[in-house]
Amino acid sequence: MWLALDGEGPLYRQAYRALRAAILDGRLARGERLPSSRVLARDAKLARNTVLQAYEQLVAEGYAESRRGAGTYVVGQLPERAIRTARPARARAAADSEPPALSAYAERAVRHFARGVTWGRRRPAPRFDFRYGDPAYGDFPHATWCRLLGRRARRASERHLSYSDPGGAPELRQALAAYLSRARGVACEPDDVLVVYGTQQAIDLTARVLIDPGARAIVEEPGYPGIRHALEIAGAEVLALPVDGDGLPTEALAGERARLLCVTPSHQFPTGGVLTLARRLALLTWAERVGAFVLEDDYDGEFRYDGRPLESLQALDRSGRVLYAGTVSKVMFPALRIGYLVMPRALRDPLLAAKAFADTGTAQLEQRVLADFIAQGFFERHLRRARVRNAARRKALLAALARELGDAVEVVGANAGVHVVAWLRGVLPGELRTLRELAARRDVGIHPISPFYATRPRRAGILLGYAALDEPAIAEGVHRLALALREMRKS
C-alpha cells in the first residue's frame, strides 16, 4: 500500500493521517484488514515502529480495531462525530474557501435551477396524483419492447457499439420522418431529423445556435418553464406575450422583432388553446418579414379527442423558418430519453455541430429499438390504444369535476392533450398552498398553474394531468379534492 505523507510533523502522525484519509474516503473499506505492519513499513519505506504507532493511534481514535492473532481491521461502523471532526485540513480549507469564479452562463443556469424544474427530483407521490407528464405505464406494451430490445442487443455489431452520427441512427431518422409525415403532416426528409435527448435538449440546442446574449426571444404567457429557462440561461431578452383561448394572439406581434419565437400551437401549454389557421398563417408571415425563426413544441399533439389531430405549423411553412420539436415520452415512457428536432435546411449544419459537441450522440441501442418499434407498426398501434384510454380518462375527469365541484370550477383545454386546467372560482391564488396541504392529507396531489407564468396569475388555477390514473382513481381523487376544498372554505 502506498502512503501519501504530507511532510508535516512526526512520521507516525503523517502515516496515521494518510491511513485515516484512506478510511474516510473509502479506499480502505469498512471491515477491511489493514496490511501487516511489516509489509506496510517495507512498502512505505518506514520503520516498523512508525507504522505500529500509526496503527495504535487509529485504534485509539476508533478508526480501526485490533483482533488478537488476526491483525488490524477498519471498524465496521465509524462514529458520526469522528467523520465530522476528522476531515483533513486541506478539505476543510477547500470547503471554507470562497466559491469559484463561474461563467455568466453557469451563474444563470444555477439561478434558474434553484427556482425549480418541472421534471425529476420528485418526492414520493400521493396515491391520487394529478401530476402532468407521466403516461399510464401499465398501458405500454412492455413485453413487445423487451423482445425488440433483446433482439437488437443480441445482434449488435461493432458498428452499432461504436460512436455514430450525432444526428441519430439512420433507421430511426427514416422511421421518424415517415411517421411525422403521415401523422402530423411534417414536411421532412430523414436528414432533416435530429435525434435528441428529449424536447428539452431540442430547446437548448436551438437557443445555443440562434441566441446571443441580449437577443430578443418571444414566448407564450403562460408557457412551459423549460423554454423560458433555456432562453434566459443562453442570455436572451425574453418577452412573454399573454395567450387567449385560441393560443397566441398574432396581432400582439405587430411592431415586435425577435430572433426566435417559441409556441405550442397544437395544444397550448398549459391552457390548452389551439392556434387557429388564420393565426398560424399570420405568425409565419410575421416570421418571414422580420427574419425570425419559430420553435414549434408539439409536446402532445398526437392526443386530440374531437376530430383528427391537427397538422403541424411546420407543414404550412414555405420559407424554412420553423423548427419542429417533439418527443416520444408522452406516448411511451419518460425514461426513454429520445426526442426529435426537424431542422430547416439553413440550420442543419449548425444544429448538428452543436449536438456533436454537446454529447457525441444519443444512445444507439435504444434508437434502433425505437426504429423497429415504429417501423413494425407497434408505435402507432400503441398510440391508437392510448388515445382511446386517455379519452376515457378525460371523460371520467370532466364528469367527476362537474359532479363534485359544479360551478366552483371552470375547465379549459380539455379537447386535446393529457391534462386540463381547472380555474377555481372563489379561491384566491394565495389560498392554493392551503388547498394543496389539505388535499395531500387525503392522499391527493394537485399542482398549481402559477409556476408556468412569468408573473403570478390573478386567478387560482390547477393543472390536472390524468394519463397516469385509471377512471376509478380519477373519480376518487376528485371527490377527495372536493372535500379538501369544502374544508378550506369552512375554516
Protein backbone atom coordinates (compact mmCIF):
# COMPACT_ATOMS: atom_id res chain seq x y z
CA MET A 1 0.00 0.00 0.00
CA TRP A 2 1.35 3.43 -1.00
CA LEU A 3 1.01 6.24 1.56
CA ALA A 4 0.99 9.94 0.61
CA LEU A 5 2.78 11.57 3.53
CA ASP A 6 2.11 15.30 3.92
CA GLY A 7 5.50 16.23 5.38
CA GLU A 8 4.03 17.83 8.49
CA GLY A 9 5.14 16.62 11.94
CA PRO A 10 6.38 13.21 13.08
CA LEU A 11 6.37 10.35 10.58
CA TYR A 12 3.92 8.25 12.60
CA ARG A 13 1.42 11.17 12.56
CA GLN A 14 1.86 11.53 8.80
CA ALA A 15 1.26 7.78 8.34
CA TYR A 16 -1.76 7.98 10.67
CA ARG A 17 -3.30 10.88 8.71
CA ALA A 18 -2.74 9.11 5.38
CA LEU A 19 -4.39 5.92 6.66
CA ARG A 20 -7.28 7.86 8.22
CA ALA A 21 -7.90 9.66 4.91
CA ALA A 22 -7.96 6.31 3.09
CA ILE A 23 -10.56 5.04 5.56
CA LEU A 24 -12.76 8.13 5.33
CA ASP A 25 -12.82 8.29 1.54
CA GLY A 26 -13.45 4.56 1.14
CA ARG A 27 -10.13 3.41 -0.29
CA LEU A 28 -9.92 1.24 2.81
CA ALA A 29 -13.39 -0.28 3.16
CA ARG A 30 -15.28 -0.85 6.39
CA GLY A 31 -14.21 -4.19 7.86
CA GLU A 32 -11.15 -4.45 5.59
CA ARG A 33 -7.91 -5.85 7.04
CA LEU A 34 -5.02 -3.37 7.09
CA PRO A 35 -1.68 -4.53 5.70
CA SER A 36 0.60 -6.08 8.29
CA SER A 37 2.92 -3.55 9.94
CA ARG A 38 5.94 -5.32 8.43
CA VAL A 39 4.54 -5.19 4.86
CA LEU A 40 3.39 -1.57 5.11
CA ALA A 41 6.71 -0.49 6.63
CA ARG A 42 8.54 -2.12 3.71
CA ASP A 43 6.26 -0.68 1.02
CA ALA A 44 6.14 2.84 2.51
CA LYS A 45 9.83 2.76 3.39
CA LEU A 46 9.14 3.50 7.05
CA ALA A 47 10.36 1.99 10.28
CA ARG A 48 8.08 -0.75 11.54
CA ASN A 49 7.69 1.05 14.90
CA THR A 50 6.42 4.11 12.99
CA VAL A 51 3.67 2.01 11.40
CA LEU A 52 2.81 0.35 14.71
CA GLN A 53 2.43 3.80 16.32
CA ALA A 54 0.14 4.90 13.45
CA TYR A 55 -1.99 1.76 13.88
CA GLU A 56 -2.21 2.34 17.64
CA GLN A 57 -3.44 5.88 17.02
CA LEU A 58 -6.11 4.62 14.58
CA VAL A 59 -7.30 2.11 17.17
CA ALA A 60 -7.29 4.71 19.94
CA GLU A 61 -9.46 7.10 17.91
CA GLY A 62 -11.95 4.46 16.79
CA TYR A 63 -10.99 4.10 13.13
CA ALA A 64 -9.55 0.58 13.47
CA GLU A 65 -9.66 -2.35 15.82
CA SER A 66 -7.02 -4.92 16.70
CA ARG A 67 -8.02 -8.56 16.61
CA ARG A 68 -5.76 -10.86 18.57
CA GLY A 69 -3.82 -13.14 16.28
CA ALA A 70 -5.63 -11.80 13.18
CA GLY A 71 -4.27 -8.28 12.63
CA THR A 72 -5.76 -4.81 12.49
CA TYR A 73 -9.06 -4.05 10.72
CA VAL A 74 -11.04 -0.97 9.75
CA VAL A 75 -14.04 -0.75 12.07
CA GLY A 76 -17.42 -1.70 10.60
CA GLN A 77 -19.16 1.49 11.79
CA LEU A 78 -17.46 4.86 12.13
CA PRO A 79 -18.89 7.28 14.70
CA GLU A 80 -20.60 10.28 13.05
CA ARG A 81 -18.54 12.61 15.25
CA ALA A 82 -15.34 11.03 14.02
CA ILE A 83 -16.33 11.57 10.39
CA ARG A 84 -17.21 15.21 11.05
CA THR A 85 -14.13 16.13 13.07
CA ALA A 86 -11.57 14.12 11.16
CA ARG A 87 -11.79 15.92 7.82
CA PRO A 88 -8.27 16.62 6.54
CA ALA A 89 -7.16 20.24 6.96
CA ARG A 90 -6.97 20.75 3.19
CA ALA A 91 -10.57 19.52 2.77
CA ARG A 92 -11.73 21.91 5.50
CA ALA A 93 -9.89 24.77 3.85
CA ALA A 94 -11.44 23.98 0.48
CA ALA A 95 -14.93 23.82 1.98
CA ASP A 96 -14.45 27.16 3.75
CA SER A 97 -12.87 28.98 0.81
CA GLU A 98 -14.59 31.45 -1.47
CA PRO A 99 -16.78 29.90 -4.22
CA PRO A 100 -15.01 29.61 -7.57
CA ALA A 101 -15.49 32.19 -10.29
CA LEU A 102 -18.12 30.93 -12.73
CA SER A 103 -19.02 31.92 -16.24
CA ALA A 104 -22.06 34.12 -16.77
CA TYR A 105 -23.76 31.10 -18.35
CA ALA A 106 -23.14 28.97 -15.26
CA GLU A 107 -24.39 31.72 -12.95
CA ARG A 108 -27.62 31.94 -14.93
CA ALA A 109 -28.00 28.15 -15.02
CA VAL A 110 -27.57 27.80 -11.25
CA ARG A 111 -30.02 30.63 -10.62
CA HIS A 112 -32.72 29.09 -12.82
CA PHE A 113 -32.11 25.58 -11.45
CA ALA A 114 -32.59 26.89 -7.92
CA ARG A 115 -36.03 28.16 -8.93
CA GLY A 116 -37.01 24.57 -9.57
CA VAL A 117 -37.52 22.48 -12.67
CA THR A 118 -40.74 20.73 -13.62
CA TRP A 119 -39.12 17.36 -14.23
CA GLY A 120 -37.17 14.99 -11.99
CA ARG A 121 -36.30 15.47 -8.29
CA ARG A 122 -39.67 14.06 -7.22
CA ARG A 123 -40.82 13.27 -3.75
CA PRO A 124 -42.91 10.15 -3.08
CA ALA A 125 -46.14 10.68 -4.98
CA PRO A 126 -49.55 10.58 -3.30
CA ARG A 127 -51.93 7.83 -4.32
CA PHE A 128 -54.15 10.13 -6.37
CA ASP A 129 -51.54 12.33 -8.03
CA PHE A 130 -52.81 14.55 -10.85
CA ARG A 131 -49.26 15.35 -11.92
CA TYR A 132 -48.82 16.18 -15.57
CA GLY A 133 -46.27 14.34 -17.71
CA ASP A 134 -46.46 10.68 -16.68
CA PRO A 135 -48.24 8.25 -19.00
CA ALA A 136 -50.04 5.12 -17.82
CA TYR A 137 -47.09 2.75 -17.59
CA GLY A 138 -49.38 -0.26 -17.46
CA ASP A 139 -50.71 0.61 -20.93
CA PHE A 140 -47.29 0.29 -22.54
CA PRO A 141 -46.58 -2.99 -24.41
CA HIS A 142 -43.62 -3.79 -22.23
CA ALA A 143 -43.17 -7.36 -23.45
CA THR A 144 -43.02 -6.25 -27.09
CA TRP A 145 -40.45 -3.56 -26.27
CA CYS A 146 -38.30 -6.05 -24.32
CA ARG A 147 -38.43 -8.55 -27.19
CA LEU A 148 -37.26 -5.92 -29.69
CA LEU A 149 -34.62 -4.70 -27.25
CA GLY A 150 -33.27 -8.22 -26.72
CA ARG A 151 -33.15 -8.89 -30.44
CA ARG A 152 -31.22 -5.70 -31.14
CA ALA A 153 -28.84 -6.32 -28.23
CA ARG A 154 -28.07 -9.86 -29.40
CA ARG A 155 -27.42 -8.73 -32.97
CA ALA A 156 -25.37 -5.65 -32.15
CA SER A 157 -22.26 -5.45 -34.31
CA GLU A 158 -19.06 -3.48 -33.75
CA ARG A 159 -20.54 -0.71 -35.88
CA HIS A 160 -23.51 -0.45 -33.54
CA LEU A 161 -21.30 -0.47 -30.44
CA SER A 162 -19.04 2.34 -31.62
CA TYR A 163 -19.60 6.08 -31.98
CA SER A 164 -22.14 7.09 -34.60
CA ASP A 165 -23.61 10.04 -36.38
CA PRO A 166 -24.55 12.74 -33.83
CA GLY A 167 -27.69 13.33 -35.90
CA GLY A 168 -29.04 9.95 -34.85
CA ALA A 169 -29.29 6.37 -36.07
CA PRO A 170 -30.18 6.42 -39.79
CA GLU A 171 -33.00 3.90 -39.38
CA LEU A 172 -34.62 5.97 -36.63
CA ARG A 173 -34.35 9.21 -38.59
CA GLN A 174 -36.00 7.46 -41.51
CA ALA A 175 -38.76 5.95 -39.33
CA LEU A 176 -39.44 9.30 -37.63
CA ALA A 177 -39.55 11.20 -40.93
CA ALA A 178 -42.10 8.74 -42.34
CA TYR A 179 -44.22 8.79 -39.16
CA LEU A 180 -44.22 12.58 -38.81
CA SER A 181 -45.15 12.98 -42.45
CA ARG A 182 -48.22 10.73 -42.28
CA ALA A 183 -49.33 11.53 -38.73
CA ARG A 184 -48.51 15.21 -38.28
CA GLY A 185 -48.13 16.48 -41.85
CA VAL A 186 -44.50 17.44 -41.24
CA ALA A 187 -42.57 18.02 -44.47
CA CYS A 188 -39.14 16.48 -43.94
CA GLU A 189 -36.52 14.05 -45.16
CA PRO A 190 -34.56 11.76 -42.83
CA ASP A 191 -31.57 14.13 -42.97
CA ASP A 192 -33.79 16.91 -41.61
CA VAL A 193 -34.42 14.94 -38.40
CA LEU A 194 -32.07 15.42 -35.46
CA VAL A 195 -32.44 12.82 -32.70
CA VAL A 196 -32.06 14.41 -29.26
CA TYR A 197 -32.39 13.56 -25.57
CA GLY A 198 -35.98 14.77 -25.37
CA THR A 199 -37.61 18.09 -26.18
CA GLN A 200 -35.56 19.94 -23.58
CA GLN A 201 -32.35 19.28 -25.47
CA ALA A 202 -34.02 20.39 -28.70
CA ILE A 203 -34.90 23.67 -26.98
CA ASP A 204 -31.40 24.06 -25.54
CA LEU A 205 -29.68 23.40 -28.88
CA THR A 206 -31.98 25.85 -30.64
CA ALA A 207 -31.12 28.51 -28.07
CA ARG A 208 -27.39 27.83 -28.39
CA VAL A 209 -27.48 28.11 -32.18
CA LEU A 210 -29.75 31.14 -32.51
CA ILE A 211 -29.39 33.22 -29.34
CA ASP A 212 -26.54 35.55 -28.43
CA PRO A 213 -26.67 37.41 -25.11
CA GLY A 214 -29.13 40.26 -25.47
CA ALA A 215 -31.01 38.78 -28.41
CA ARG A 216 -34.81 39.02 -28.25
CA ALA A 217 -36.91 35.84 -27.90
CA ILE A 218 -40.69 35.64 -27.56
CA VAL A 219 -42.54 33.01 -25.51
CA GLU A 220 -46.15 32.36 -24.54
CA GLU A 221 -47.55 33.52 -21.21
CA PRO A 222 -48.20 31.16 -19.51
CA GLY A 223 -45.87 28.60 -21.02
CA TYR A 224 -43.53 25.71 -20.46
CA PRO A 225 -40.85 26.92 -17.97
CA GLY A 226 -38.16 24.81 -19.63
CA ILE A 227 -38.33 27.04 -22.70
CA ARG A 228 -38.02 30.27 -20.75
CA HIS A 229 -35.22 28.88 -18.58
CA ALA A 230 -33.18 27.70 -21.59
CA LEU A 231 -33.54 31.04 -23.36
CA GLU A 232 -32.65 33.13 -20.31
CA ILE A 233 -29.69 30.90 -19.48
CA ALA A 234 -28.48 31.50 -23.05
CA GLY A 235 -28.69 35.22 -22.33
CA ALA A 236 -31.83 36.08 -24.27
CA GLU A 237 -34.05 39.05 -23.55
CA VAL A 238 -37.35 37.19 -23.19
CA LEU A 239 -40.69 38.79 -23.98
CA ALA A 240 -43.74 36.85 -22.71
CA LEU A 241 -46.95 37.50 -24.65
CA PRO A 242 -50.27 36.52 -22.98
CA VAL A 243 -52.33 33.84 -24.74
CA ASP A 244 -56.10 33.58 -25.02
CA GLY A 245 -58.50 30.73 -25.72
CA ASP A 246 -57.03 30.27 -29.22
CA GLY A 247 -53.38 30.38 -28.25
CA LEU A 248 -51.00 33.22 -29.07
CA PRO A 249 -52.75 36.35 -30.44
CA THR A 250 -50.67 37.14 -33.51
CA GLU A 251 -51.79 40.77 -33.52
CA ALA A 252 -49.58 41.15 -30.44
CA LEU A 253 -46.58 40.54 -32.70
CA ALA A 254 -47.22 43.78 -34.62
CA GLY A 255 -44.21 46.02 -34.19
CA GLU A 256 -42.19 43.30 -32.43
CA ARG A 257 -38.92 41.93 -33.72
CA ALA A 258 -37.21 38.82 -32.37
CA ARG A 259 -34.62 36.24 -33.21
CA LEU A 260 -36.81 33.34 -32.03
CA LEU A 261 -40.48 32.75 -31.23
CA CYS A 262 -41.48 29.64 -29.24
CA VAL A 263 -45.06 28.35 -29.48
CA THR A 264 -47.17 25.29 -28.69
CA PRO A 265 -49.80 25.68 -31.46
CA SER A 266 -51.49 22.27 -31.39
CA HIS A 267 -52.31 22.40 -27.66
CA GLN A 268 -51.05 25.50 -25.90
CA PHE A 269 -49.19 24.59 -22.76
CA PRO A 270 -50.69 24.73 -20.22
CA THR A 271 -54.02 26.42 -21.07
CA GLY A 272 -54.91 24.08 -23.96
CA GLY A 273 -55.83 26.59 -26.68
CA VAL A 274 -55.43 25.51 -30.31
CA LEU A 275 -53.89 28.09 -32.65
CA THR A 276 -56.33 28.84 -35.47
CA LEU A 277 -55.36 28.55 -39.12
CA ALA A 278 -55.58 32.31 -39.58
CA ARG A 279 -53.20 32.88 -36.68
CA ARG A 280 -50.80 30.21 -37.94
CA LEU A 281 -50.56 31.89 -41.33
CA ALA A 282 -50.17 35.32 -39.74
CA LEU A 283 -47.42 34.03 -37.46
CA LEU A 284 -45.47 32.58 -40.39
CA THR A 285 -45.89 35.83 -42.36
CA TRP A 286 -44.51 37.78 -39.41
CA ALA A 287 -41.54 35.41 -39.01
CA GLU A 288 -40.61 35.73 -42.67
CA ARG A 289 -40.98 39.53 -42.60
CA VAL A 290 -38.76 40.11 -39.54
CA GLY A 291 -36.33 37.21 -40.17
CA ALA A 292 -37.31 35.29 -37.05
CA PHE A 293 -37.24 31.54 -36.53
CA VAL A 294 -40.14 29.70 -34.88
CA LEU A 295 -39.69 26.77 -32.50
CA GLU A 296 -42.84 24.64 -32.61
CA ASP A 297 -43.07 22.48 -29.49
CA ASP A 298 -45.50 19.68 -30.38
CA TYR A 299 -45.26 18.05 -26.97
CA ASP A 300 -48.55 16.11 -27.08
CA GLY A 301 -50.05 16.85 -30.49
CA GLU A 302 -50.97 13.20 -31.03
CA PHE A 303 -53.68 13.35 -28.37
CA ARG A 304 -56.73 15.10 -29.78
CA TYR A 305 -60.22 13.84 -28.96
CA ASP A 306 -62.51 15.95 -31.17
CA GLY A 307 -61.59 15.26 -34.80
CA ARG A 308 -58.24 14.14 -36.14
CA PRO A 309 -55.00 15.64 -34.82
CA LEU A 310 -54.23 18.97 -36.46
CA GLU A 311 -51.40 19.26 -38.92
CA SER A 312 -48.31 20.94 -37.61
CA LEU A 313 -47.33 24.58 -38.07
CA GLN A 314 -44.24 23.29 -39.84
CA ALA A 315 -46.43 21.78 -42.55
CA LEU A 316 -47.53 25.31 -43.53
CA ASP A 317 -44.02 26.75 -43.55
CA ARG A 318 -42.76 27.65 -47.03
CA SER A 319 -39.73 29.74 -46.11
CA GLY A 320 -37.76 27.45 -43.78
CA ARG A 321 -38.48 29.38 -40.58
CA VAL A 322 -39.94 26.60 -38.37
CA LEU A 323 -38.03 24.16 -36.17
CA TYR A 324 -40.35 21.32 -35.12
CA ALA A 325 -39.64 19.63 -31.76
CA GLY A 326 -41.33 16.55 -30.34
CA THR A 327 -40.81 13.61 -28.03
CA VAL A 328 -41.93 10.01 -27.57
CA SER A 329 -42.05 10.36 -23.77
CA LYS A 330 -45.74 11.23 -23.57
CA VAL A 331 -46.67 8.18 -25.66
CA MET A 332 -44.14 5.67 -24.30
CA PHE A 333 -42.25 6.46 -21.08
CA PRO A 334 -40.13 9.44 -19.93
CA ALA A 335 -37.05 7.37 -19.10
CA LEU A 336 -36.67 6.73 -22.83
CA ARG A 337 -34.78 9.94 -23.42
CA ILE A 338 -35.43 10.23 -27.14
CA GLY A 339 -36.96 13.21 -28.87
CA TYR A 340 -36.55 14.81 -32.27
CA LEU A 341 -35.98 18.17 -33.86
CA VAL A 342 -36.92 18.67 -37.51
CA MET A 343 -34.43 21.23 -38.79
CA PRO A 344 -34.83 23.83 -41.54
CA ARG A 345 -32.18 23.26 -44.19
CA ALA A 346 -30.40 26.51 -43.30
CA LEU A 347 -29.86 25.32 -39.71
CA ARG A 348 -28.89 21.71 -40.37
CA ASP A 349 -25.12 22.12 -40.11
CA PRO A 350 -25.11 24.45 -37.05
CA LEU A 351 -27.50 22.22 -35.12
CA LEU A 352 -25.61 19.05 -35.99
CA ALA A 353 -22.37 20.71 -34.88
CA ALA A 354 -23.93 21.87 -31.60
CA LYS A 355 -25.31 18.37 -30.96
CA ALA A 356 -21.94 16.75 -31.71
CA PHE A 357 -20.17 18.89 -29.13
CA ALA A 358 -22.98 18.51 -26.60
CA ASP A 359 -22.92 14.72 -26.24
CA THR A 360 -21.31 12.97 -29.25
CA GLY A 361 -24.60 11.20 -29.99
CA THR A 362 -27.75 9.85 -28.37
CA ALA A 363 -27.78 6.25 -27.04
CA GLN A 364 -27.66 3.99 -30.10
CA LEU A 365 -29.28 0.77 -28.89
CA GLU A 366 -32.48 2.49 -27.76
CA GLN A 367 -32.64 4.43 -31.01
CA ARG A 368 -32.57 1.29 -33.11
CA VAL A 369 -35.15 -0.44 -30.93
CA LEU A 370 -37.43 2.57 -31.30
CA ALA A 371 -36.89 2.47 -35.06
CA ASP A 372 -38.09 -1.15 -35.07
CA PHE A 373 -40.99 -0.25 -32.78
CA ILE A 374 -42.14 2.42 -35.24
CA ALA A 375 -41.36 0.61 -38.49
CA GLN A 376 -43.19 -2.56 -37.42
CA GLY A 377 -46.33 -0.64 -36.52
CA PHE A 378 -46.17 -1.06 -32.73
CA PHE A 379 -45.81 2.67 -32.01
CA GLU A 380 -48.95 3.76 -33.85
CA ARG A 381 -50.89 0.74 -32.57
CA HIS A 382 -49.96 1.71 -29.01
CA LEU A 383 -50.80 5.34 -29.78
CA ARG A 384 -54.29 4.43 -31.00
CA ARG A 385 -54.95 2.45 -27.82
CA ALA A 386 -53.54 5.26 -25.68
CA ARG A 387 -55.88 7.74 -27.37
CA VAL A 388 -58.89 5.56 -26.58
CA ARG A 389 -57.84 5.03 -22.96
CA ASN A 390 -56.92 8.66 -22.41
CA ALA A 391 -60.24 9.73 -23.92
CA ALA A 392 -61.99 7.55 -21.31
CA ARG A 393 -59.85 9.06 -18.53
CA ARG A 394 -60.60 12.56 -19.81
CA LYS A 395 -64.32 11.79 -19.81
CA ALA A 396 -64.11 10.46 -16.25
CA LEU A 397 -62.24 13.58 -15.10
CA LEU A 398 -64.69 16.02 -16.67
CA ALA A 399 -67.65 14.08 -15.24
CA ALA A 400 -66.11 13.99 -11.78
CA LEU A 401 -65.31 17.72 -11.83
CA ALA A 402 -68.86 18.54 -12.91
CA ARG A 403 -70.35 16.20 -10.29
CA GLU A 404 -68.14 17.11 -7.34
CA LEU A 405 -67.34 20.79 -7.97
CA GLY A 406 -70.01 22.03 -10.37
CA ASP A 407 -69.92 25.81 -10.83
CA ALA A 408 -66.98 26.10 -8.44
CA VAL A 409 -64.61 25.22 -11.28
CA GLU A 410 -64.03 26.36 -14.87
CA VAL A 411 -62.30 23.75 -17.02
CA VAL A 412 -60.27 24.71 -20.10
CA GLY A 413 -58.04 22.84 -22.53
CA ALA A 414 -59.97 19.58 -22.44
CA ASN A 415 -60.17 18.85 -26.17
CA ALA A 416 -56.60 17.64 -26.56
CA GLY A 417 -53.52 16.57 -24.65
CA VAL A 418 -53.33 14.67 -21.37
CA HIS A 419 -54.24 17.41 -18.90
CA VAL A 420 -56.81 20.12 -18.23
CA VAL A 421 -56.62 23.42 -16.40
CA ALA A 422 -59.18 23.96 -13.66
CA TRP A 423 -59.74 27.56 -12.58
CA LEU A 424 -61.18 27.56 -9.06
CA ARG A 425 -63.91 30.12 -8.54
CA GLY A 426 -63.97 31.81 -5.16
CA VAL A 427 -60.39 30.75 -4.36
CA LEU A 428 -57.58 33.31 -4.13
CA PRO A 429 -54.14 32.41 -5.57
CA GLY A 430 -52.63 32.71 -2.10
CA GLU A 431 -55.02 30.05 -0.79
CA LEU A 432 -53.71 27.32 -3.08
CA ARG A 433 -50.94 26.37 -0.66
CA THR A 434 -53.55 25.60 1.99
CA LEU A 435 -55.66 23.66 -0.50
CA ARG A 436 -52.64 21.61 -1.57
CA GLU A 437 -51.87 20.73 2.04
CA LEU A 438 -55.46 19.73 2.75
CA ALA A 439 -55.57 17.64 -0.43
CA ALA A 440 -52.25 15.99 0.42
CA ARG A 441 -53.69 14.85 3.76
CA ARG A 442 -56.27 12.99 1.70
CA ASP A 443 -53.51 11.45 -0.48
CA VAL A 444 -54.30 13.73 -3.44
CA GLY A 445 -51.66 15.61 -5.42
CA ILE A 446 -52.66 18.84 -7.16
CA HIS A 447 -50.33 21.22 -8.97
CA PRO A 448 -50.84 24.98 -9.28
CA ILE A 449 -50.63 26.63 -12.67
CA SER A 450 -48.67 29.60 -11.30
CA PRO A 451 -45.16 28.11 -12.00
CA PHE A 452 -45.95 28.32 -15.71
CA TYR A 453 -46.41 32.10 -15.53
CA ALA A 454 -43.66 34.70 -15.61
CA THR A 455 -45.91 36.88 -13.45
CA ARG A 456 -48.32 35.46 -10.90
CA PRO A 457 -51.84 34.89 -12.31
CA ARG A 458 -54.74 36.74 -10.75
CA ARG A 459 -56.85 33.59 -10.52
CA ALA A 460 -56.25 30.35 -8.67
CA GLY A 461 -55.78 27.51 -11.13
CA ILE A 462 -54.53 23.94 -11.01
CA LEU A 463 -53.21 21.71 -13.75
CA LEU A 464 -54.77 18.23 -13.62
CA GLY A 465 -52.93 15.52 -15.50
CA TYR A 466 -54.93 12.36 -15.97
CA ALA A 467 -52.97 9.98 -18.20
CA ALA A 468 -51.37 8.06 -15.32
CA LEU A 469 -54.63 7.39 -13.41
CA ASP A 470 -57.45 4.99 -14.19
CA GLU A 471 -61.09 6.10 -14.15
CA PRO A 472 -61.94 4.94 -10.58
CA ALA A 473 -58.81 6.65 -9.23
CA ILE A 474 -59.70 9.86 -11.08
CA ALA A 475 -63.23 9.85 -9.62
CA GLU A 476 -61.97 9.17 -6.09
CA GLY A 477 -59.20 11.77 -6.39
CA VAL A 478 -61.62 14.50 -7.48
CA HIS A 479 -64.03 13.52 -4.68
CA ARG A 480 -61.25 13.92 -2.12
CA LEU A 481 -60.20 17.21 -3.69
CA ALA A 482 -63.78 18.48 -3.34
CA LEU A 483 -63.73 17.52 0.36
CA ALA A 484 -60.47 19.41 0.83
CA LEU A 485 -61.93 22.47 -0.90
CA ARG A 486 -65.00 22.40 1.34
CA GLU A 487 -62.83 22.08 4.44
CA MET A 488 -60.74 25.07 3.37
CA ARG A 489 -63.82 27.23 2.84
CA LYS A 490 -65.20 26.33 6.26
CA SER A 491 -62.01 27.30 8.05
